[in-house]
Amino acid sequence: MELRELIKRQTGNVGLFCDSFPPVMDGVSVCMQNYAFWLQKMVGDVDVVTPNVPGTNYGNNDYRVLDFFSVPVPTRHPYVTGIADLDPFFVAKILKIKFRIVHAHCPFSTGIVAQRIAKLQNIPLVATFHSKYRDDFYRVMPKKVADQIIKAIVLFYEHADLVWVPQESVIDVIREYGYKGKVEVMDNGSDLVADYPEQYFIEARHRLGISPDEFVMLFVGQHIWEKNPRLVIDALAEIPDVPFRMYFVGNGYAADGMQQLVSERGLDRKVHFVGSITERDRIKDYYAAADLFLFPSLYDNAPLVVREAAALHTPAVMARGATASTILRDGENGFLVENDTASMAGLLRSLASDPERVHRVGVQASKTIVRSWEDCVGEALDRYNSLLRSRGLAPLKKLVRFCG
């Protein structure tokens, strides 16, 4: 028997399901990508299931991507969704696969596929609750319709064997939605964890054309009003005498409105819109070059970008009381601010005048709120195996070639 066939018989397949996957770039897609990468190294035979982004070549990975016909999500470019049942080629492929365990990272089209496979093959379903879905729905549809969708989402999680959230504070969110079952915290990681020498930060600034003494602030994420970029722009307009450079990285429905607001506030020379960045080495330069990461979102649950910035010694400014901000200790590994312009402007003025303090807090952030994806996915694998054993199923075995 060939080694490859032996390995397949020992391991079986892990299925990862999500509507977001590169080239769509957000926290959930980065999470999916790293789960796929590390599980492929650890146990092999990983299958990613996702709607197709037209023009994308999914064959450049060690793991397999099973994509199905998709349609754009209205007003949310570049997001896509779809109905897997309408793609007969996809259905024919996936029905031939024997999965050992399936993990849904969203409760929508791909999550439903994962749920059906789990039932059909009598295997465990793990489901992660990543986002504040209700906020998205309330923005684009009547409240009564949105509430019915939330009920369907809660029902989806009620049918999972394990429900995970990315940090403790998110338990309150899923409870508010009406979910009453067991919930576990499973940390997200960062692929940017490393022991960076001081020279790396100097070179990153040089690559971006930033002088050593410039105070640089950064936002990375979807350009949507729910992430509170108006607070950032309004606060920056209140400190015209402070020398700084601000970068917005990302894209979204509010991008044009944000740029218009920047122009209205007279900030065009200080604030720069970079657009979406998919190359990890390039985004690393922005994290490394920045002094502060501005992320006062009231919308996010557990944003990966805050941890990514921290990995490059860049501390975050977050809104006090926000779900996402509970990982920070004010003045120790990040900064908390009230959700108003005067408070944000006052804090930014203070921090811009004390870059050494900002740097100390950034180094502490890198030590306290960042885990590697290898470590996090290794823990997830242990939990998969505990679940499999509880169901009387064989656990996933680590490949001999994996020496992580």
Protein backbone atom coordinates (compact mmCIF):
# COMPACT_ATOMS: atom_id res chain seq x y z
CA MET A 1 0.00 0.00 0.00
CA GLU A 2 1.40 3.46 -0.92
CA LEU A 3 2.26 5.85 1.92
CA ARG A 4 -0.24 8.46 0.70
CA GLU A 5 -3.09 5.94 0.72
CA LEU A 6 -2.04 4.71 4.18
CA ILE A 7 -2.07 8.26 5.51
CA LYS A 8 -5.56 8.84 4.09
CA ARG A 9 -6.90 5.71 5.75
CA GLN A 10 -5.38 6.78 9.06
CA THR A 11 -6.63 10.36 9.04
CA GLY A 12 -9.81 10.81 7.03
CA ASN A 13 -10.97 14.29 6.04
CA VAL A 14 -11.43 17.49 7.98
CA GLY A 15 -13.98 19.82 6.39
CA LEU A 16 -13.76 23.59 6.91
CA PHE A 17 -16.78 25.56 5.72
CA CYS A 18 -17.18 29.32 5.35
CA ASP A 19 -18.62 31.93 2.99
CA SER A 20 -15.45 34.03 3.47
CA PHE A 21 -12.17 32.77 2.07
CA PRO A 22 -9.28 34.46 0.22
CA PRO A 23 -9.20 36.39 -2.04
CA VAL A 24 -11.95 37.91 0.14
CA MET A 25 -9.91 39.24 3.05
CA ASP A 26 -11.37 39.70 6.51
CA GLY A 27 -10.74 38.20 9.92
CA VAL A 28 -12.85 35.11 9.30
CA SER A 29 -11.22 34.33 5.96
CA VAL A 30 -7.76 34.68 7.51
CA CYS A 31 -8.90 32.35 10.29
CA MET A 32 -10.13 29.80 7.74
CA GLN A 33 -6.91 30.03 5.76
CA ASN A 34 -4.78 29.36 8.80
CA TYR A 35 -6.95 26.49 10.04
CA ALA A 36 -6.61 24.89 6.60
CA PHE A 37 -2.86 25.48 6.40
CA TRP A 38 -2.01 24.10 9.84
CA LEU A 39 -4.50 21.23 9.88
CA GLN A 40 -3.13 20.11 6.51
CA LYS A 41 0.35 20.01 8.05
CA MET A 42 -0.85 18.29 11.21
CA VAL A 43 -3.31 15.66 9.95
CA GLY A 44 -3.61 16.02 6.16
CA ASP A 45 -6.64 15.69 3.88
CA VAL A 46 -8.23 19.04 4.64
CA ASP A 47 -11.09 20.22 2.44
CA VAL A 48 -12.18 23.86 2.39
CA VAL A 49 -15.74 24.51 1.19
CA THR A 50 -16.58 28.05 0.07
CA PRO A 51 -18.56 29.96 -2.59
CA ASN A 52 -16.51 30.72 -5.67
CA VAL A 53 -15.03 34.17 -6.20
CA PRO A 54 -15.00 34.50 -10.01
CA GLY A 55 -11.54 34.41 -11.54
CA THR A 56 -9.90 32.79 -8.52
CA ASN A 57 -7.50 29.86 -8.86
CA TYR A 58 -7.97 27.72 -5.76
CA GLY A 59 -5.41 25.11 -6.78
CA ASN A 60 -2.33 26.76 -5.27
CA ASN A 61 -2.67 25.22 -1.80
CA ASP A 62 -1.62 21.95 -0.19
CA TYR A 63 -5.23 21.44 0.89
CA ARG A 64 -8.19 21.09 -1.45
CA VAL A 65 -10.74 23.86 -2.00
CA LEU A 66 -14.23 22.80 -3.10
CA ASP A 67 -15.95 25.90 -4.44
CA PHE A 68 -19.51 26.24 -5.66
CA PHE A 69 -21.48 28.67 -7.78
CA SER A 70 -21.91 32.07 -6.14
CA VAL A 71 -23.60 35.44 -6.47
CA PRO A 72 -22.39 38.79 -5.08
CA VAL A 73 -23.74 39.96 -1.72
CA PRO A 74 -25.61 43.23 -2.43
CA THR A 75 -23.80 46.35 -1.15
CA ARG A 76 -20.98 44.24 0.33
CA HIS A 77 -18.40 43.84 -2.44
CA PRO A 78 -16.30 41.64 -2.64
CA TYR A 79 -18.39 39.22 -0.54
CA VAL A 80 -20.22 36.38 -2.27
CA THR A 81 -22.76 33.77 -1.28
CA GLY A 82 -24.58 30.96 -3.03
CA ILE A 83 -26.75 27.88 -2.81
CA ALA A 84 -24.63 24.77 -3.05
CA ASP A 85 -27.56 22.63 -4.18
CA LEU A 86 -27.72 24.62 -7.42
CA ASP A 87 -24.20 23.51 -8.40
CA PRO A 88 -24.46 19.85 -9.52
CA PHE A 89 -20.71 19.49 -10.08
CA PHE A 90 -20.01 20.58 -6.51
CA VAL A 91 -22.69 18.29 -5.11
CA ALA A 92 -21.27 15.31 -7.04
CA LYS A 93 -17.78 16.01 -5.66
CA ILE A 94 -18.67 16.53 -2.03
CA LEU A 95 -20.92 13.48 -1.81
CA LYS A 96 -17.91 11.29 -2.65
CA ILE A 97 -15.91 12.54 0.34
CA LYS A 98 -15.91 10.72 3.66
CA PHE A 99 -15.38 13.33 6.35
CA ARG A 100 -14.27 12.62 9.90
CA ILE A 101 -15.37 15.98 11.33
CA VAL A 102 -16.74 19.24 9.88
CA HIS A 103 -16.21 22.77 11.19
CA ALA A 104 -18.47 25.63 10.07
CA HIS A 105 -17.14 29.17 10.43
CA CYS A 106 -20.43 30.77 9.41
CA PRO A 107 -24.13 29.85 9.75
CA PHE A 108 -25.10 30.65 6.16
CA SER A 109 -24.83 28.73 2.87
CA THR A 110 -21.65 26.80 3.65
CA GLY A 111 -22.68 26.29 7.26
CA ILE A 112 -25.88 24.61 6.07
CA VAL A 113 -23.80 22.32 3.83
CA ALA A 114 -21.65 21.36 6.83
CA GLN A 115 -24.75 20.69 8.92
CA ARG A 116 -26.22 18.41 6.24
CA ILE A 117 -22.97 16.48 5.84
CA ALA A 118 -22.68 15.99 9.60
CA LYS A 119 -26.20 14.56 9.70
CA LEU A 120 -25.78 12.44 6.57
CA GLN A 121 -22.46 10.92 7.66
CA ASN A 122 -23.26 10.87 11.40
CA ILE A 123 -20.14 12.86 12.31
CA PRO A 124 -19.55 15.82 14.65
CA LEU A 125 -20.21 19.42 13.68
CA VAL A 126 -18.18 22.23 15.26
CA ALA A 127 -19.47 25.78 14.68
CA THR A 128 -17.69 29.05 15.47
CA PHE A 129 -19.71 32.22 16.13
CA HIS A 130 -17.49 34.96 14.70
CA SER A 131 -19.57 38.05 13.96
CA LYS A 132 -22.39 40.33 15.08
CA TYR A 133 -24.69 39.24 12.29
CA ARG A 134 -27.70 41.16 13.63
CA ASP A 135 -25.95 44.50 13.09
CA ASP A 136 -25.43 43.66 9.41
CA PHE A 137 -29.04 42.64 8.90
CA TYR A 138 -30.54 45.65 10.69
CA ARG A 139 -28.65 47.92 8.31
CA VAL A 140 -30.15 46.46 5.13
CA MET A 141 -33.57 44.99 5.99
CA PRO A 142 -36.63 45.49 8.21
CA LYS A 143 -36.18 44.55 11.84
CA LYS A 144 -38.87 41.85 11.74
CA VAL A 145 -37.15 40.10 8.83
CA ALA A 146 -33.75 40.41 10.50
CA ASP A 147 -35.08 38.95 13.74
CA GLN A 148 -36.40 35.89 11.89
CA ILE A 149 -32.97 35.34 10.33
CA ILE A 150 -31.35 35.62 13.77
CA LYS A 151 -33.72 32.90 15.03
CA ALA A 152 -32.57 30.68 12.16
CA ILE A 153 -28.94 31.40 13.04
CA VAL A 154 -29.53 30.44 16.67
CA LEU A 155 -31.19 27.23 15.51
CA PHE A 156 -28.12 26.46 13.41
CA TYR A 157 -25.83 26.72 16.43
CA GLU A 158 -28.22 24.65 18.53
CA HIS A 159 -27.64 21.74 16.12
CA ALA A 160 -23.84 21.85 16.49
CA ASP A 161 -21.94 19.45 18.75
CA LEU A 162 -19.54 22.19 19.83
CA VAL A 163 -20.04 25.95 19.65
CA TRP A 164 -16.93 28.13 19.86
CA VAL A 165 -16.48 31.87 20.27
CA PRO A 166 -13.12 33.64 19.78
CA GLN A 167 -13.03 35.36 23.18
CA GLU A 168 -14.88 35.38 26.50
CA SER A 169 -16.87 38.57 25.91
CA VAL A 170 -18.48 37.10 22.77
CA ILE A 171 -20.42 34.64 24.95
CA ASP A 172 -22.61 37.58 25.99
CA VAL A 173 -23.34 38.34 22.33
CA ILE A 174 -24.48 34.85 21.39
CA ARG A 175 -26.58 34.72 24.57
CA GLU A 176 -28.25 38.01 23.58
CA TYR A 177 -29.18 36.37 20.28
CA GLY A 178 -31.03 33.66 22.21
CA TYR A 179 -28.58 30.75 22.20
CA LYS A 180 -28.75 28.87 25.51
CA GLY A 181 -26.44 25.90 24.88
CA LYS A 182 -22.87 25.23 25.89
CA VAL A 183 -20.21 27.61 24.56
CA GLU A 184 -16.43 27.28 24.60
CA VAL A 185 -13.80 29.96 24.03
CA MET A 186 -11.32 29.03 21.29
CA ASP A 187 -8.73 31.72 20.68
CA ASN A 188 -7.83 33.00 17.25
CA GLY A 189 -4.16 33.31 16.44
CA SER A 190 -1.85 35.36 14.28
CA ASP A 191 0.41 34.29 11.44
CA LEU A 192 2.62 37.33 12.13
CA VAL A 193 4.08 36.07 15.41
CA ALA A 194 7.89 36.26 15.32
CA ASP A 195 10.89 37.67 17.17
CA TYR A 196 11.34 40.80 15.09
CA PRO A 197 14.66 42.65 15.39
CA GLU A 198 14.58 46.42 15.72
CA GLN A 199 16.02 46.74 12.23
CA TYR A 200 12.85 45.20 10.79
CA PHE A 201 10.73 48.12 12.00
CA ILE A 202 13.22 50.64 10.62
CA GLU A 203 13.22 48.94 7.22
CA ALA A 204 9.41 48.75 7.13
CA ARG A 205 9.21 52.53 7.57
CA HIS A 206 11.82 53.00 4.89
CA ARG A 207 9.85 50.82 2.44
CA LEU A 208 6.76 52.97 3.02
CA GLY A 209 8.62 56.26 2.81
CA ILE A 210 8.04 57.18 6.46
CA SER A 211 10.69 59.14 8.33
CA PRO A 212 11.90 57.81 11.72
CA ASP A 213 10.34 60.67 13.70
CA GLU A 214 6.85 60.62 12.13
CA PHE A 215 3.98 59.49 14.36
CA VAL A 216 1.98 56.96 12.35
CA MET A 217 -1.55 55.69 13.00
CA LEU A 218 -3.28 52.84 11.24
CA PHE A 219 -6.69 51.27 10.64
CA VAL A 220 -7.04 47.89 8.90
CA GLY A 221 -10.44 46.39 8.16
CA GLN A 222 -13.65 46.69 6.23
CA HIS A 223 -14.49 50.29 5.43
CA ILE A 224 -17.98 50.26 6.93
CA TRP A 225 -19.53 52.79 9.29
CA GLU A 226 -20.25 50.06 11.86
CA LYS A 227 -16.52 49.94 12.64
CA ASN A 228 -16.68 53.56 13.80
CA PRO A 229 -14.22 55.22 11.38
CA ARG A 230 -16.13 58.51 11.75
CA LEU A 231 -14.86 58.77 15.33
CA VAL A 232 -11.28 58.38 14.11
CA ILE A 233 -11.61 60.96 11.33
CA ASP A 234 -13.43 63.49 13.50
CA ALA A 235 -10.83 63.12 16.26
CA LEU A 236 -7.93 63.58 13.85
CA ALA A 237 -9.54 66.80 12.66
CA GLU A 238 -9.43 68.08 16.26
CA ILE A 239 -5.61 67.86 16.46
CA PRO A 240 -4.46 69.91 13.42
CA ASP A 241 -1.31 71.05 15.23
CA VAL A 242 -0.11 67.47 15.86
CA PRO A 243 2.20 66.07 13.16
CA PHE A 244 1.01 62.60 12.16
CA ARG A 245 0.35 60.30 9.25
CA MET A 246 -2.78 58.09 9.17
CA TYR A 247 -3.37 55.07 6.92
CA PHE A 248 -6.70 53.37 6.22
CA VAL A 249 -6.19 49.89 4.75
CA GLY A 250 -9.18 47.99 3.38
CA ASN A 251 -12.31 48.55 1.37
CA GLY A 252 -16.07 48.54 1.80
CA TYR A 253 -19.32 50.34 1.11
CA ALA A 254 -18.29 53.36 3.23
CA ALA A 255 -14.91 53.93 1.55
CA ASP A 256 -16.11 56.83 -0.63
CA GLY A 257 -17.94 58.43 2.28
CA MET A 258 -14.88 58.15 4.50
CA GLN A 259 -12.68 59.79 1.87
CA GLN A 260 -15.23 62.58 1.44
CA LEU A 261 -15.30 63.12 5.21
CA VAL A 262 -11.50 63.30 5.28
CA SER A 263 -11.58 65.98 2.59
CA GLU A 264 -14.29 67.93 4.41
CA ARG A 265 -12.17 67.91 7.57
CA GLY A 266 -9.11 69.17 5.68
CA LEU A 267 -7.08 66.01 6.31
CA ASP A 268 -6.15 65.01 2.75
CA ARG A 269 -2.44 65.63 3.27
CA LYS A 270 -2.28 63.59 6.47
CA VAL A 271 -4.72 60.74 5.87
CA HIS A 272 -4.07 58.12 3.19
CA PHE A 273 -6.39 55.44 1.83
CA VAL A 274 -4.39 52.42 0.69
CA GLY A 275 -7.18 50.10 -0.45
CA SER A 276 -7.34 46.37 0.16
CA ILE A 277 -4.06 44.51 0.71
CA THR A 278 -3.97 40.74 0.30
CA GLU A 279 -0.18 40.19 0.41
CA ARG A 280 0.80 39.35 3.98
CA ASP A 281 4.34 40.72 3.66
CA ARG A 282 2.95 44.07 2.52
CA ILE A 283 0.39 44.35 5.33
CA LYS A 284 3.17 43.45 7.76
CA ASP A 285 5.02 46.60 6.70
CA TYR A 286 2.05 48.77 7.67
CA TYR A 287 1.67 47.09 11.06
CA ALA A 288 5.41 47.39 11.72
CA ALA A 289 5.62 51.02 10.57
CA ALA A 290 2.65 52.19 12.67
CA ASP A 291 2.89 53.54 16.21
CA LEU A 292 -0.81 53.17 17.03
CA PHE A 293 -3.61 50.98 15.71
CA LEU A 294 -6.95 52.83 15.84
CA PHE A 295 -9.87 50.44 16.12
CA PRO A 296 -12.77 51.89 18.15
CA SER A 297 -15.30 49.50 16.61
CA LEU A 298 -18.50 48.73 18.51
CA TYR A 299 -19.37 46.13 15.87
CA ASP A 300 -16.59 43.53 16.07
CA ASN A 301 -16.49 40.54 18.37
CA ALA A 302 -12.81 39.57 18.36
CA PRO A 303 -10.99 41.29 15.49
CA LEU A 304 -7.85 39.53 14.28
CA VAL A 305 -6.37 42.82 13.13
CA VAL A 306 -5.86 43.96 16.73
CA ARG A 307 -3.78 40.85 17.43
CA GLU A 308 -1.94 41.19 14.14
CA ALA A 309 -0.97 44.76 15.00
CA ALA A 310 0.10 43.66 18.47
CA ALA A 311 2.35 40.98 16.96
CA LEU A 312 4.27 43.85 15.32
CA HIS A 313 4.42 45.81 18.63
CA THR A 314 1.65 48.23 17.61
CA PRO A 315 -0.88 48.75 20.43
CA ALA A 316 -4.55 49.35 19.74
CA VAL A 317 -6.86 52.17 20.78
CA MET A 318 -10.32 50.66 21.30
CA ALA A 319 -13.68 51.90 22.55
CA ARG A 320 -14.23 51.34 26.24
CA GLY A 321 -17.05 48.85 26.81
CA ALA A 322 -16.94 47.38 23.29
CA THR A 323 -17.13 43.59 23.04
CA ALA A 324 -13.76 43.45 21.30
CA SER A 325 -11.95 45.66 23.82
CA THR A 326 -12.07 43.24 26.75
CA ILE A 327 -8.66 41.77 25.81
CA LEU A 328 -7.00 45.10 26.65
CA ARG A 329 -5.82 46.47 29.98
CA ASP A 330 -5.84 50.23 29.61
CA GLY A 331 -2.32 51.66 29.56
CA GLU A 332 -0.71 48.22 29.87
CA ASN A 333 -1.23 46.38 26.58
CA GLY A 334 -3.45 48.89 24.79
CA PHE A 335 -5.52 51.99 25.30
CA LEU A 336 -9.25 52.41 25.96
CA VAL A 337 -11.17 55.55 25.10
CA GLU A 338 -14.72 56.79 25.47
CA ASN A 339 -16.80 56.74 22.31
CA ASP A 340 -16.71 60.49 21.69
CA THR A 341 -14.57 62.82 19.61
CA ALA A 342 -13.13 64.88 22.45
CA SER A 343 -11.93 61.83 24.36
CA MET A 344 -10.34 60.26 21.29
CA ALA A 345 -8.68 63.52 20.23
CA GLY A 346 -7.31 64.09 23.73
CA LEU A 347 -5.87 60.59 23.93
CA LEU A 348 -4.27 60.79 20.48
CA ARG A 349 -2.70 64.16 21.31
CA SER A 350 -1.29 62.72 24.54
CA LEU A 351 0.08 59.55 22.94
CA ALA A 352 1.59 61.35 19.96
CA SER A 353 3.66 63.39 22.42
CA ASP A 354 4.93 60.28 24.20
CA PRO A 355 6.00 57.70 21.58
CA GLU A 356 8.21 55.87 24.08
CA ARG A 357 5.16 55.07 26.21
CA VAL A 358 3.31 53.87 23.12
CA HIS A 359 6.23 51.61 22.23
CA ARG A 360 6.38 50.08 25.72
CA VAL A 361 2.68 49.29 25.62
CA GLY A 362 3.06 47.81 22.14
CA VAL A 363 5.78 45.43 23.28
CA GLN A 364 3.56 44.34 26.18
CA ALA A 365 0.67 43.77 23.76
CA SER A 366 2.86 41.44 21.71
CA LYS A 367 3.52 39.40 24.85
CA THR A 368 -0.03 39.20 26.21
CA ILE A 369 -2.69 39.09 23.48
CA VAL A 370 -1.03 37.20 20.64
CA ARG A 371 -0.80 33.45 20.03
CA SER A 372 0.50 31.76 16.92
CA TRP A 373 -1.96 30.05 14.63
CA GLU A 374 0.07 26.87 14.95
CA ASP A 375 -0.57 26.89 18.71
CA CYS A 376 -4.28 27.74 18.37
CA VAL A 377 -4.99 25.16 15.67
CA GLY A 378 -3.08 22.56 17.67
CA GLU A 379 -5.47 23.21 20.56
CA ALA A 380 -8.44 23.05 18.18
CA LEU A 381 -7.21 19.66 16.96
CA ASP A 382 -7.06 18.39 20.54
CA ARG A 383 -10.67 19.50 21.02
CA TYR A 384 -11.73 17.85 17.77
CA ASN A 385 -10.24 14.60 19.01
CA SER A 386 -11.94 14.84 22.40
CA LEU A 387 -15.26 15.28 20.60
CA LEU A 388 -14.57 12.37 18.25
CA ARG A 389 -13.71 10.09 21.18
CA SER A 390 -16.89 11.13 23.00
CA ARG A 391 -18.84 10.00 19.93
CA GLY A 392 -16.98 6.68 19.82
CA LEU A 393 -15.11 7.70 16.65
CA ALA A 394 -11.41 7.36 15.91
CA PRO A 395 -9.40 10.53 16.57
CA LEU A 396 -7.43 12.38 13.93
CA LYS A 397 -3.78 11.30 13.96
CA LYS A 398 -0.89 13.65 13.49
CA LEU A 399 1.22 12.93 10.46
CA VAL A 400 4.70 11.60 11.10
CA ARG A 401 6.13 14.34 8.88
CA PHE A 402 4.63 17.07 11.10
CA CYS A 403 7.18 18.14 13.67
CA GLY A 404 5.56 21.38 14.91
